[in-house]
Protein backbone atom coordinates (compact mmCIF):
# COMPACT_ATOMS: atom_id res chain seq x y z
CA UNK A 1 144.79 -18.14 -49.97
CA UNK A 2 145.62 -21.56 -51.20
CA UNK A 3 149.06 -22.75 -51.85
CA UNK A 4 150.05 -24.63 -55.04
CA UNK A 5 152.97 -27.04 -56.00
CA UNK A 6 154.49 -24.69 -58.14
CA UNK A 7 154.99 -22.22 -55.51
CA UNK A 8 157.41 -24.10 -54.05
CA UNK A 9 159.49 -24.80 -57.23
CA UNK A 10 162.73 -23.10 -56.84
CA UNK A 11 165.79 -22.56 -59.17
CA UNK A 12 168.35 -23.65 -56.55
CA UNK A 13 167.29 -26.46 -54.45
CA UNK A 14 170.15 -26.14 -51.80
CA UNK A 15 169.71 -22.50 -51.28
CA UNK A 16 167.84 -21.43 -48.06
CA UNK A 17 166.47 -18.34 -49.65
CA UNK A 18 162.87 -18.07 -50.51
CA UNK A 19 161.48 -18.61 -53.86
CA UNK A 20 161.10 -14.94 -54.52
CA UNK A 21 164.89 -14.21 -53.55
CA UNK A 22 166.19 -17.04 -55.66
CA UNK A 23 164.10 -16.13 -58.72
CA UNK A 24 165.52 -12.51 -58.59
CA UNK A 25 169.17 -14.00 -58.18
CA UNK A 26 168.77 -16.50 -61.13
CA UNK A 27 167.33 -13.58 -63.59
CA UNK A 28 170.18 -11.17 -62.32
CA UNK A 29 172.78 -13.95 -63.34
CA UNK A 30 171.29 -14.49 -66.76
CA UNK A 31 170.17 -11.02 -67.42
CA UNK A 32 173.24 -10.36 -70.03
CA UNK A 33 171.98 -13.58 -72.21
CA UNK A 34 168.27 -13.50 -71.61
CA UNK A 35 166.97 -11.74 -74.62
CA UNK A 36 169.23 -14.04 -76.98
CA UNK A 37 168.11 -17.11 -75.06
CA UNK A 38 164.41 -16.30 -75.26
CA UNK A 39 164.72 -15.67 -79.23
CA UNK A 40 167.12 -18.69 -79.63
CA UNK A 41 165.12 -21.31 -77.49
CA UNK A 42 161.70 -20.10 -78.94
CA UNK A 43 162.80 -20.03 -82.60
CA UNK A 44 161.30 -16.32 -82.34
CA UNK A 45 157.86 -17.75 -81.75
CA UNK A 46 157.51 -15.85 -78.62
CA UNK A 47 157.20 -12.62 -80.82
CA UNK A 48 153.92 -14.10 -82.11
CA UNK A 49 152.84 -14.90 -78.77
CA UNK A 50 153.20 -11.51 -77.44
CA UNK A 51 151.46 -10.10 -80.53
CA UNK A 52 148.40 -12.30 -79.75
CA UNK A 53 148.48 -11.17 -76.08
CA UNK A 54 148.69 -7.48 -76.99
CA UNK A 55 145.85 -7.88 -79.25
CA UNK A 56 143.68 -8.81 -76.38
CA UNK A 57 145.13 -5.99 -74.35
CA UNK A 58 143.91 -3.47 -77.00
CA UNK A 59 140.57 -5.12 -77.49
CA UNK A 60 138.51 -3.29 -75.00
CA UNK A 61 140.26 -0.03 -75.96
CA UNK A 62 139.52 -0.64 -79.57
CA UNK A 63 135.98 -1.08 -78.88
CA UNK A 64 135.58 2.07 -77.02
CA UNK A 65 137.73 4.06 -79.53
CA UNK A 66 135.29 2.81 -82.23
CA UNK A 67 132.38 3.81 -80.10
CA UNK A 68 134.17 7.23 -79.50
CA UNK A 69 134.91 7.77 -83.06
CA UNK A 70 131.46 6.92 -84.35
CA UNK A 71 130.20 9.31 -82.03
CA UNK A 72 132.91 12.22 -82.59
CA UNK A 73 132.94 11.50 -86.45
CA UNK A 74 136.77 11.16 -86.34
CA UNK A 75 139.28 8.45 -86.09
CA UNK A 76 140.56 7.49 -82.54
CA UNK A 77 143.80 5.18 -82.32
CA UNK A 78 143.21 1.72 -80.62
CA UNK A 79 144.69 1.77 -77.02
CA UNK A 80 144.64 5.61 -77.14
CA UNK A 81 145.37 6.88 -73.47
CA UNK A 82 145.54 3.40 -71.83
CA UNK A 83 147.58 2.96 -68.96
CA UNK A 84 149.11 -0.70 -68.60
CA UNK A 85 150.90 -2.53 -65.98
CA UNK A 86 153.47 -5.17 -67.18
CA UNK A 87 154.15 -7.39 -64.06
CA UNK A 88 157.39 -9.33 -64.30
CA UNK A 89 158.44 -7.14 -66.96
CA UNK A 90 161.96 -8.52 -67.22
CA UNK A 91 164.04 -6.66 -70.19
CA UNK A 92 160.94 -4.76 -71.21
CA UNK A 93 160.16 -6.75 -74.24
CA UNK A 94 156.37 -7.00 -73.50
CA UNK A 95 156.46 -3.16 -72.51
CA UNK A 96 158.22 -2.11 -75.65
CA UNK A 97 156.05 -3.90 -78.05
CA UNK A 98 152.73 -2.59 -76.22
CA UNK A 99 153.93 0.86 -76.57
CA UNK A 100 154.76 0.35 -80.41
CA UNK A 101 151.46 -1.35 -81.14
CA UNK A 102 149.07 0.21 -78.81
CA UNK A 103 148.97 4.00 -79.78
CA UNK A 104 148.97 6.57 -77.09
CA UNK A 105 149.50 3.83 -74.29
CA UNK A 106 151.64 4.59 -71.48
CA UNK A 107 153.31 1.25 -69.89
CA UNK A 108 154.82 0.80 -66.53
CA UNK A 109 156.89 -2.33 -66.12
CA UNK A 110 157.79 -3.96 -62.83
CA UNK A 111 160.22 -6.60 -61.82
CA UNK A 112 162.12 -8.08 -58.80
CA UNK A 113 165.34 -8.62 -60.72
CA UNK A 114 167.65 -5.35 -61.02
CA UNK A 115 169.83 -7.08 -63.50
CA UNK A 116 166.95 -7.77 -66.02
CA UNK A 117 165.46 -3.87 -65.39
CA UNK A 118 169.07 -2.42 -66.19
CA UNK A 119 169.04 -4.21 -69.58
CA UNK A 120 165.44 -3.20 -69.97
CA UNK A 121 166.00 0.56 -69.17
CA UNK A 122 169.06 0.27 -71.80
CA UNK A 123 166.73 -0.77 -74.49
CA UNK A 124 164.02 1.50 -73.83
CA UNK A 125 166.55 4.52 -73.79
CA UNK A 126 168.13 3.30 -77.36
CA UNK A 127 164.50 3.22 -78.75
CA UNK A 128 163.89 6.60 -76.96
CA UNK A 129 160.40 5.55 -75.40
CA UNK A 130 161.28 7.06 -72.04
CA UNK A 131 158.11 9.03 -72.29
CA UNK A 132 155.92 6.07 -72.85
CA UNK A 133 157.64 3.43 -70.65
CA UNK A 134 158.80 3.42 -67.24
CA UNK A 135 160.47 0.37 -65.62
CA UNK A 136 161.08 0.14 -61.83
CA UNK A 137 161.64 -2.49 -59.11
CA UNK A 138 158.34 -3.86 -58.06
CA UNK A 139 156.83 -6.97 -56.74
CA UNK A 140 153.62 -8.58 -57.90
CA UNK A 141 152.53 -9.38 -54.04
CA UNK A 142 152.69 -5.94 -53.01
CA UNK A 143 152.15 -3.54 -56.23
CA UNK A 144 152.83 0.00 -55.07
CA UNK A 145 150.02 1.85 -56.80
CA UNK A 146 146.60 2.74 -55.58
CA UNK A 147 143.34 0.79 -56.15
CA UNK A 148 141.71 1.14 -59.77
CA UNK A 149 144.61 2.70 -61.19
CA UNK A 150 145.41 0.77 -64.64
CA UNK A 151 143.34 0.22 -67.80
CA UNK A 152 144.93 -3.33 -68.28
CA UNK A 153 147.53 -5.56 -66.75
CA UNK A 154 149.74 -8.01 -68.43
CA UNK A 155 152.40 -10.92 -67.31
CA UNK A 156 154.26 -12.59 -70.15
CA UNK A 157 155.94 -15.89 -68.80
CA UNK A 158 155.92 -14.65 -65.34
CA UNK A 159 153.14 -16.08 -63.16
CA UNK A 160 155.03 -19.30 -62.67
CA UNK A 161 157.75 -17.21 -60.81
CA UNK A 162 155.27 -15.74 -58.24
CA UNK A 163 156.05 -16.98 -54.69
CA UNK A 164 152.34 -16.94 -53.87
CA UNK A 165 150.21 -17.07 -57.10
CA UNK A 166 146.88 -16.04 -55.63
CA UNK A 167 148.52 -13.13 -53.82
CA UNK A 168 149.83 -11.78 -57.00
CA UNK A 169 146.49 -12.19 -58.96
CA UNK A 170 144.41 -10.30 -56.37
CA UNK A 171 147.01 -7.39 -56.19
CA UNK A 172 146.74 -7.14 -60.01
CA UNK A 173 143.09 -7.22 -59.70
CA UNK A 174 143.19 -4.33 -57.06
CA UNK A 175 145.14 -1.95 -59.44
CA UNK A 176 142.80 -2.55 -62.33
CA UNK A 177 140.18 -0.20 -63.00
CA UNK A 178 136.67 -1.69 -63.02
CA UNK A 179 136.33 -3.28 -66.35
CA UNK A 180 140.09 -3.44 -66.80
CA UNK A 181 141.69 -6.55 -68.34
CA UNK A 182 144.23 -9.16 -67.31
CA UNK A 183 146.12 -10.54 -69.95
CA UNK A 184 148.52 -13.43 -69.08
CA UNK A 185 150.86 -15.63 -71.42
CA UNK A 186 152.42 -18.71 -69.97
CA UNK A 187 153.98 -22.03 -70.90
CA UNK A 188 151.66 -24.96 -70.99
CA UNK A 189 152.01 -28.74 -71.68
CA UNK A 190 150.92 -29.96 -75.11
CA UNK A 191 148.07 -32.68 -75.04
CA UNK A 192 148.57 -33.87 -78.56
CA UNK A 193 150.63 -37.42 -78.59
CA UNK A 194 153.98 -37.10 -79.93
CA UNK A 195 154.03 -33.31 -79.72
CA UNK A 196 153.98 -33.47 -75.82
CA UNK A 197 156.92 -36.08 -75.89
CA UNK A 198 159.13 -33.90 -78.09
CA UNK A 199 158.23 -30.91 -76.23
CA UNK A 200 159.16 -32.69 -72.76
CA UNK A 201 162.50 -33.72 -74.30
CA UNK A 202 163.26 -30.40 -75.53
CA UNK A 203 162.49 -28.76 -71.72
CA UNK A 204 164.19 -31.41 -69.96
CA UNK A 205 167.36 -31.81 -72.02
CA UNK A 206 167.73 -29.34 -74.70
CA UNK A 207 166.93 -25.98 -72.83
CA UNK A 208 169.07 -26.63 -69.81
CA UNK A 209 172.09 -27.62 -71.65
CA UNK A 210 171.67 -24.64 -74.16
CA UNK A 211 171.26 -22.43 -71.20
CA UNK A 212 174.44 -24.01 -69.59
CA UNK A 213 176.43 -23.33 -72.79
CA UNK A 214 175.24 -19.63 -73.35
CA UNK A 215 175.10 -18.41 -69.98
CA UNK A 216 176.97 -20.72 -67.77
CA UNK A 217 173.65 -21.25 -65.67
CA UNK A 218 171.85 -24.60 -66.17
CA UNK A 219 169.78 -24.18 -63.15
CA UNK A 220 167.57 -21.45 -64.73
CA UNK A 221 166.29 -23.58 -67.64
CA UNK A 222 166.01 -26.73 -65.37
CA UNK A 223 163.83 -24.47 -63.10
CA UNK A 224 161.95 -23.60 -66.58
CA UNK A 225 161.37 -27.44 -66.95
CA UNK A 226 160.35 -28.02 -63.34
CA UNK A 227 157.95 -24.86 -62.83
CA UNK A 228 156.28 -25.57 -66.41
CA UNK A 229 155.29 -29.21 -65.04
CA UNK A 230 154.18 -28.13 -61.78
CA UNK A 231 151.99 -24.94 -62.92
CA UNK A 232 148.05 -25.19 -62.54
CA UNK A 233 147.55 -24.52 -66.46
CA UNK A 234 144.30 -24.70 -68.24
CA UNK A 235 141.11 -24.70 -66.79
CA UNK A 236 142.82 -25.10 -63.44
CA UNK A 237 144.32 -21.58 -63.65
CA UNK A 238 140.80 -20.23 -65.14
CA UNK A 239 139.30 -21.43 -61.86
CA UNK A 240 141.83 -19.64 -59.91
CA UNK A 241 141.53 -16.46 -61.63
CA UNK A 242 137.64 -16.89 -61.05
CA UNK A 243 138.52 -17.47 -57.25
CA UNK A 244 140.53 -14.20 -57.31
CA UNK A 245 137.52 -12.16 -58.43
CA UNK A 246 138.13 -11.91 -62.30
CA UNK A 247 135.27 -12.35 -64.48
CA UNK A 248 134.67 -13.17 -68.59
CA UNK A 249 137.76 -15.46 -68.07
CA UNK A 250 139.17 -17.15 -71.11
CA UNK A 251 141.80 -19.73 -72.00
CA UNK A 252 143.45 -20.10 -75.63
CA UNK A 253 145.83 -22.48 -76.51
CA UNK A 254 148.59 -21.35 -78.81
CA UNK A 255 151.10 -23.23 -80.93
CA UNK A 256 149.75 -26.67 -80.33
CA UNK A 257 149.36 -25.91 -76.72
CA UNK A 258 153.06 -25.07 -76.07
CA UNK A 259 151.72 -21.53 -74.64
CA UNK A 260 148.52 -20.63 -73.35
CA UNK A 261 146.74 -17.37 -73.32
CA UNK A 262 144.73 -16.29 -70.19
CA UNK A 263 142.19 -13.30 -70.06
CA UNK A 264 140.25 -12.01 -67.37
CA UNK A 265 138.30 -8.79 -66.43
CA UNK A 266 137.64 -6.85 -63.14
């Protein structure tokens, strides 16, 4: 498997720990402020991005449901019966939104940060979604589920944190059912002159300093800047998906290219 420059980008440059351990430690430290910072630093636009991703998750199920409804002569909810894996689930935002918008779906979220998972479990409990959502410790590079298990898999702003990108992508391919869909949201770099410079300034100076003020952790948001710049985005990432066995791969730029949506099928 190939190695990519972003695989070596770590939050704490003086640490002797590997990337995976450093990322888990970083998110444990900022878990108590993560949701607030997410909304604040994105201006809430991350909610729109997640909804766009969820629309793609439900697309295949919606087509199947419409076919079933036409055959049975009765309505079938889009996403009914789908089993979904949410990798790098964090505090469960994506899992919660999928449970709300994809009727009848059951979501399993995995993450390497116990601190983030604890916050996520509290949110799931408050919303009384325990029967629809399970959050548990898990690693993208060794997913503890059998082959051909899930109808869909999602990663929202987490593939940059994989220590071995291809290994994580191949693991998600393994646990998807044939025809199952992978949907990835990830930050990208705008190409439009002017927009790119503003975005670069924001990631380089604004986000790290706000992160330091609110969570006393500048490193986490400096890591955000460094990892976004090093990530193999756009058509480069599509080629990696193709090489990992996905088909019908697509890349859609959102919000002037600040975020990218990637889709692949098994």
